[in-house]
Amino acid sequence: MKDIKNNLNHGNPLSDLISDDIYNLLHKRGLINQKSVRDHIIRNEFKLLRAQKMGASEAIEVLREKFSYLQFDTIRKIVYHIQK
């Protein structure tokens, strides 16, 4: 999987949870789970799109364009926390 920072304008994608310094330290030491960070970003973006009165399916399609390597159902599972 590509480094999630390539998709995030080179910032701290967890700024709502941890400081930039802590994120940078964890990332430098290889302690950041890139898939979990990606999923967190997808959930946050989904919430923002829905807050703009966008339909759920349309919001998932917007996210699918941004994360083109993911399928519609995969994004749906991420945003609704559907676990196997």
C-alpha atoms as a PDB file:
ATOM      1  CA  MET A   1       0.000   0.000   0.000  1.00  0.00           C
ATOM      2  CA  LYS A   2       1.225   3.493  -0.769  1.00  0.00           C
ATOM      3  CA  ASP A   3       2.336   5.620   2.129  1.00  0.00           C
ATOM      4  CA  ILE A   4      -0.849   7.372   3.228  1.00  0.00           C
ATOM      5  CA  LYS A   5       1.021  10.675   3.461  1.00  0.00           C
ATOM      6  CA  ASN A   6       1.161  10.772  -0.342  1.00  0.00           C
ATOM      7  CA  ASN A   7      -2.617  11.181  -0.318  1.00  0.00           C
ATOM      8  CA  LEU A   8      -2.819  13.708   2.494  1.00  0.00           C
ATOM      9  CA  ASN A   9      -0.979  16.839   1.443  1.00  0.00           C
ATOM     10  CA  HIS A  10       2.020  15.842   3.592  1.00  0.00           C
ATOM     11  CA  GLY A  11       0.397  16.712   6.924  1.00  0.00           C
ATOM     12  CA  ASN A  12      -0.712  14.973  10.070  1.00  0.00           C
ATOM     13  CA  PRO A  13      -3.836  13.020   9.104  1.00  0.00           C
ATOM     14  CA  LEU A  14      -4.533  12.361  12.781  1.00  0.00           C
ATOM     15  CA  SER A  15      -4.397  15.999  13.885  1.00  0.00           C
ATOM     16  CA  ASP A  16      -7.834  15.640  15.493  1.00  0.00           C
ATOM     17  CA  LEU A  17      -6.365  12.919  17.745  1.00  0.00           C
ATOM     18  CA  ILE A  18      -2.637  13.573  18.286  1.00  0.00           C
ATOM     19  CA  SER A  19      -0.167  16.419  17.879  1.00  0.00           C
ATOM     20  CA  ASP A  20       2.073  16.776  14.833  1.00  0.00           C
ATOM     21  CA  ASP A  21       5.160  16.030  16.919  1.00  0.00           C
ATOM     22  CA  ILE A  22       3.752  12.765  18.226  1.00  0.00           C
ATOM     23  CA  TYR A  23       2.523  11.749  14.770  1.00  0.00           C
ATOM     24  CA  ASN A  24       5.923  12.478  13.215  1.00  0.00           C
ATOM     25  CA  LEU A  25       7.724  10.521  15.937  1.00  0.00           C
ATOM     26  CA  LEU A  26       5.421   7.506  15.571  1.00  0.00           C
ATOM     27  CA  HIS A  27       5.649   7.637  11.788  1.00  0.00           C
ATOM     28  CA  LYS A  28       9.449   7.921  11.884  1.00  0.00           C
ATOM     29  CA  ARG A  29       9.624   4.810  14.072  1.00  0.00           C
ATOM     30  CA  GLY A  30       7.237   2.841  11.869  1.00  0.00           C
ATOM     31  CA  LEU A  31       4.497   2.673  14.476  1.00  0.00           C
ATOM     32  CA  ILE A  32       1.675   4.082  12.354  1.00  0.00           C
ATOM     33  CA  ASN A  33      -0.755   1.587  10.832  1.00  0.00           C
ATOM     34  CA  GLN A  34      -1.296   3.114   7.387  1.00  0.00           C
ATOM     35  CA  LYS A  35      -4.525   1.190   6.734  1.00  0.00           C
ATOM     36  CA  SER A  36      -6.069   2.398   9.985  1.00  0.00           C
ATOM     37  CA  VAL A  37      -5.056   5.977   9.218  1.00  0.00           C
ATOM     38  CA  ARG A  38      -6.600   5.669   5.739  1.00  0.00           C
ATOM     39  CA  ASP A  39      -9.819   4.315   7.241  1.00  0.00           C
ATOM     40  CA  HIS A  40      -9.925   7.155   9.782  1.00  0.00           C
ATOM     41  CA  ILE A  41      -9.561   9.691   6.961  1.00  0.00           C
ATOM     42  CA  ILE A  42     -12.274   8.015   4.917  1.00  0.00           C
ATOM     43  CA  ARG A  43     -14.672   8.043   7.884  1.00  0.00           C
ATOM     44  CA  ASN A  44     -13.986  11.729   8.575  1.00  0.00           C
ATOM     45  CA  GLU A  45     -14.435  12.715   4.936  1.00  0.00           C
ATOM     46  CA  PHE A  46     -17.647  10.691   4.748  1.00  0.00           C
ATOM     47  CA  LYS A  47     -19.011  12.548   7.779  1.00  0.00           C
ATOM     48  CA  LEU A  48     -18.137  15.896   6.182  1.00  0.00           C
ATOM     49  CA  LEU A  49     -19.817  14.973   2.908  1.00  0.00           C
ATOM     50  CA  ARG A  50     -22.931  13.770   4.721  1.00  0.00           C
ATOM     51  CA  ALA A  51     -22.990  17.001   6.773  1.00  0.00           C
ATOM     52  CA  GLN A  52     -23.204  18.838   3.446  1.00  0.00           C
ATOM     53  CA  LYS A  53     -26.482  16.972   2.814  1.00  0.00           C
ATOM     54  CA  MET A  54     -24.921  14.614   0.282  1.00  0.00           C
ATOM     55  CA  GLY A  55     -26.542  11.203  -0.009  1.00  0.00           C
ATOM     56  CA  ALA A  56     -24.638   8.230   1.405  1.00  0.00           C
ATOM     57  CA  SER A  57     -24.175   6.507  -1.958  1.00  0.00           C
ATOM     58  CA  GLU A  58     -23.007   9.708  -3.599  1.00  0.00           C
ATOM     59  CA  ALA A  59     -20.566  10.379  -0.748  1.00  0.00           C
ATOM     60  CA  ILE A  60     -19.147   6.882  -1.118  1.00  0.00           C
ATOM     61  CA  GLU A  61     -18.724   7.462  -4.862  1.00  0.00           C
ATOM     62  CA  VAL A  62     -16.827  10.697  -4.170  1.00  0.00           C
ATOM     63  CA  LEU A  63     -14.540   8.803  -1.796  1.00  0.00           C
ATOM     64  CA  ARG A  64     -14.177   6.013  -4.346  1.00  0.00           C
ATOM     65  CA  GLU A  65     -12.863   8.547  -6.870  1.00  0.00           C
ATOM     66  CA  LYS A  66     -10.311   9.768  -4.341  1.00  0.00           C
ATOM     67  CA  PHE A  67      -9.333   6.267  -3.230  1.00  0.00           C
ATOM     68  CA  SER A  68      -9.703   4.620  -6.632  1.00  0.00           C
ATOM     69  CA  TYR A  69      -7.976   1.417  -5.541  1.00  0.00           C
ATOM     70  CA  LEU A  70     -10.902   0.668  -3.183  1.00  0.00           C
ATOM     71  CA  GLN A  71     -14.238  -0.791  -4.234  1.00  0.00           C
ATOM     72  CA  PHE A  72     -17.597   0.728  -3.332  1.00  0.00           C
ATOM     73  CA  ASP A  73     -18.373  -2.074  -0.844  1.00  0.00           C
ATOM     74  CA  THR A  74     -14.987  -1.694   0.822  1.00  0.00           C
ATOM     75  CA  ILE A  75     -15.593   2.004   1.448  1.00  0.00           C
ATOM     76  CA  ARG A  76     -19.125   1.231   2.638  1.00  0.00           C
ATOM     77  CA  LYS A  77     -17.711  -1.255   5.135  1.00  0.00           C
ATOM     78  CA  ILE A  78     -15.162   1.296   6.331  1.00  0.00           C
ATOM     79  CA  VAL A  79     -17.661   4.120   6.861  1.00  0.00           C
ATOM     80  CA  TYR A  80     -20.200   1.903   8.587  1.00  0.00           C
ATOM     81  CA  HIS A  81     -17.582  -0.081  10.545  1.00  0.00           C
ATOM     82  CA  ILE A  82     -18.872  -3.387   9.213  1.00  0.00           C
ATOM     83  CA  GLN A  83     -16.570  -6.067  10.564  1.00  0.00           C
ATOM     84  CA  LYS A  84     -16.184  -9.645   9.453  1.00  0.00           C
END
